[in-house]
C-alpha atoms as a PDB file:
ATOM      1  CA  UNK A   1      -3.226   6.132 -38.191  1.00  0.00           C
ATOM      2  CA  UNK A   2      -4.366   6.670 -42.179  1.00  0.00           C
ATOM      3  CA  UNK A   3      -0.630   5.359 -43.406  1.00  0.00           C
ATOM      4  CA  UNK A   4      -2.099   2.374 -45.778  1.00  0.00           C
ATOM      5  CA  UNK A   5       0.971   2.392 -47.950  1.00  0.00           C
ATOM      6  CA  UNK A   6       2.941   1.718 -45.019  1.00  0.00           C
ATOM      7  CA  UNK A   7       0.491  -0.671 -43.778  1.00  0.00           C
ATOM      8  CA  UNK A   8       0.587  -2.555 -47.091  1.00  0.00           C
ATOM      9  CA  UNK A   9       3.907  -3.033 -46.933  1.00  0.00           C
ATOM     10  CA  UNK A  10       4.165  -4.475 -43.460  1.00  0.00           C
ATOM     11  CA  UNK A  11       0.994  -6.690 -44.307  1.00  0.00           C
ATOM     12  CA  UNK A  12       3.182  -8.087 -47.401  1.00  0.00           C
ATOM     13  CA  UNK A  13       6.363  -8.388 -45.017  1.00  0.00           C
ATOM     14  CA  UNK A  14       4.487  -9.924 -41.853  1.00  0.00           C
ATOM     15  CA  UNK A  15       2.665 -12.527 -44.943  1.00  0.00           C
ATOM     16  CA  UNK A  16       5.902 -13.634 -46.138  1.00  0.00           C
ATOM     17  CA  UNK A  17       7.388 -13.737 -43.288  1.00  0.00           C
ATOM     18  CA  UNK A  18       4.906 -16.259 -42.192  1.00  0.00           C
ATOM     19  CA  UNK A  19       5.443 -18.316 -44.532  1.00  0.00           C
ATOM     20  CA  UNK A  20       2.476 -17.505 -46.633  1.00  0.00           C
ATOM     21  CA  UNK A  21       0.371 -19.684 -43.765  1.00  0.00           C
ATOM     22  CA  UNK A  22      -1.747 -16.932 -42.399  1.00  0.00           C
ATOM     23  CA  UNK A  23      -3.980 -15.152 -44.705  1.00  0.00           C
ATOM     24  CA  UNK A  24      -4.832 -12.552 -42.501  1.00  0.00           C
ATOM     25  CA  UNK A  25      -2.384  -9.591 -43.308  1.00  0.00           C
ATOM     26  CA  UNK A  26      -3.340 -10.069 -46.962  1.00  0.00           C
ATOM     27  CA  UNK A  27      -6.698  -9.843 -46.250  1.00  0.00           C
ATOM     28  CA  UNK A  28      -5.576  -6.492 -44.083  1.00  0.00           C
ATOM     29  CA  UNK A  29      -3.767  -5.302 -47.303  1.00  0.00           C
ATOM     30  CA  UNK A  30      -6.566  -5.555 -49.602  1.00  0.00           C
ATOM     31  CA  UNK A  31      -8.810  -3.140 -46.971  1.00  0.00           C
ATOM     32  CA  UNK A  32      -5.798  -0.774 -47.325  1.00  0.00           C
ATOM     33  CA  UNK A  33      -5.684  -0.546 -50.921  1.00  0.00           C
ATOM     34  CA  UNK A  34      -9.549  -0.514 -50.969  1.00  0.00           C
ATOM     35  CA  UNK A  35      -8.840   2.955 -48.486  1.00  0.00           C
ATOM     36  CA  UNK A  36      -6.577   4.104 -51.206  1.00  0.00           C
ATOM     37  CA  UNK A  37      -9.246   3.315 -54.138  1.00  0.00           C
ATOM     38  CA  UNK A  38      -7.115   0.611 -55.882  1.00  0.00           C
ATOM     39  CA  UNK A  39      -9.551  -1.893 -56.749  1.00  0.00           C
ATOM     40  CA  UNK A  40      -7.474  -4.101 -58.603  1.00  0.00           C
ATOM     41  CA  UNK A  41      -4.843  -4.586 -56.211  1.00  0.00           C
ATOM     42  CA  UNK A  42      -7.693  -5.246 -53.171  1.00  0.00           C
ATOM     43  CA  UNK A  43      -9.103  -7.761 -55.702  1.00  0.00           C
ATOM     44  CA  UNK A  44      -5.911  -9.586 -56.509  1.00  0.00           C
ATOM     45  CA  UNK A  45      -4.675  -8.853 -52.602  1.00  0.00           C
ATOM     46  CA  UNK A  46      -8.452 -10.737 -51.524  1.00  0.00           C
ATOM     47  CA  UNK A  47      -8.032 -13.375 -53.696  1.00  0.00           C
ATOM     48  CA  UNK A  48      -4.966 -14.354 -52.184  1.00  0.00           C
ATOM     49  CA  UNK A  49      -6.367 -14.535 -49.399  1.00  0.00           C
ATOM     50  CA  UNK A  50      -8.879 -16.955 -50.111  1.00  0.00           C
ATOM     51  CA  UNK A  51      -6.207 -19.085 -52.053  1.00  0.00           C
ATOM     52  CA  UNK A  52      -4.021 -19.105 -48.910  1.00  0.00           C
ATOM     53  CA  UNK A  53      -7.203 -20.147 -46.765  1.00  0.00           C
ATOM     54  CA  UNK A  54      -6.649 -24.147 -45.235  1.00  0.00           C
ATOM     55  CA  UNK A  55      -9.860 -25.778 -45.403  1.00  0.00           C
ATOM     56  CA  UNK A  56     -11.013 -26.905 -41.997  1.00  0.00           C
ATOM     57  CA  UNK A  57      -8.446 -24.675 -40.102  1.00  0.00           C
ATOM     58  CA  UNK A  58     -11.436 -22.463 -38.237  1.00  0.00           C
ATOM     59  CA  UNK A  59      -9.577 -18.992 -38.384  1.00  0.00           C
ATOM     60  CA  UNK A  60      -8.729 -19.444 -42.274  1.00  0.00           C
ATOM     61  CA  UNK A  61     -12.546 -19.794 -42.638  1.00  0.00           C
ATOM     62  CA  UNK A  62     -13.392 -16.614 -41.038  1.00  0.00           C
ATOM     63  CA  UNK A  63     -10.833 -15.012 -43.310  1.00  0.00           C
ATOM     64  CA  UNK A  64     -12.131 -16.016 -46.383  1.00  0.00           C
ATOM     65  CA  UNK A  65     -15.485 -15.086 -45.616  1.00  0.00           C
ATOM     66  CA  UNK A  66     -14.437 -11.324 -45.107  1.00  0.00           C
ATOM     67  CA  UNK A  67     -12.413 -11.853 -48.046  1.00  0.00           C
ATOM     68  CA  UNK A  68     -15.025 -13.429 -50.079  1.00  0.00           C
ATOM     69  CA  UNK A  69     -17.794 -10.305 -48.629  1.00  0.00           C
ATOM     70  CA  UNK A  70     -14.724  -7.287 -49.738  1.00  0.00           C
ATOM     71  CA  UNK A  71     -14.745  -8.843 -53.271  1.00  0.00           C
ATOM     72  CA  UNK A  72     -18.350  -8.853 -53.695  1.00  0.00           C
ATOM     73  CA  UNK A  73     -18.509  -5.263 -52.270  1.00  0.00           C
ATOM     74  CA  UNK A  74     -15.647  -4.447 -54.352  1.00  0.00           C
ATOM     75  CA  UNK A  75     -18.100  -5.966 -57.233  1.00  0.00           C
ATOM     76  CA  UNK A  76     -20.591  -3.949 -56.251  1.00  0.00           C
ATOM     77  CA  UNK A  77     -22.880  -6.662 -55.140  1.00  0.00           C
ATOM     78  CA  UNK A  78     -23.028  -4.807 -51.684  1.00  0.00           C
ATOM     79  CA  UNK A  79     -23.095  -1.266 -50.244  1.00  0.00           C
ATOM     80  CA  UNK A  80     -20.621  -0.288 -48.577  1.00  0.00           C
END
């Protein structure tokens, strides 16, 4: 729906409601920040995503890989 600011708020609430046990909402918030052109907030969201991922959790491993890829895009290492 391209309501990125509203989506960010919803993702942040979802992440907190889940007691920070699911890093996925923070990944999606980072993507929304990128869509808004807020690269620094996106970077923080992706770094937070990585930090919340639990080693050995397959779903978290996939989320972490995606967050790493988004960080690389932000650093200019990969073309979008």
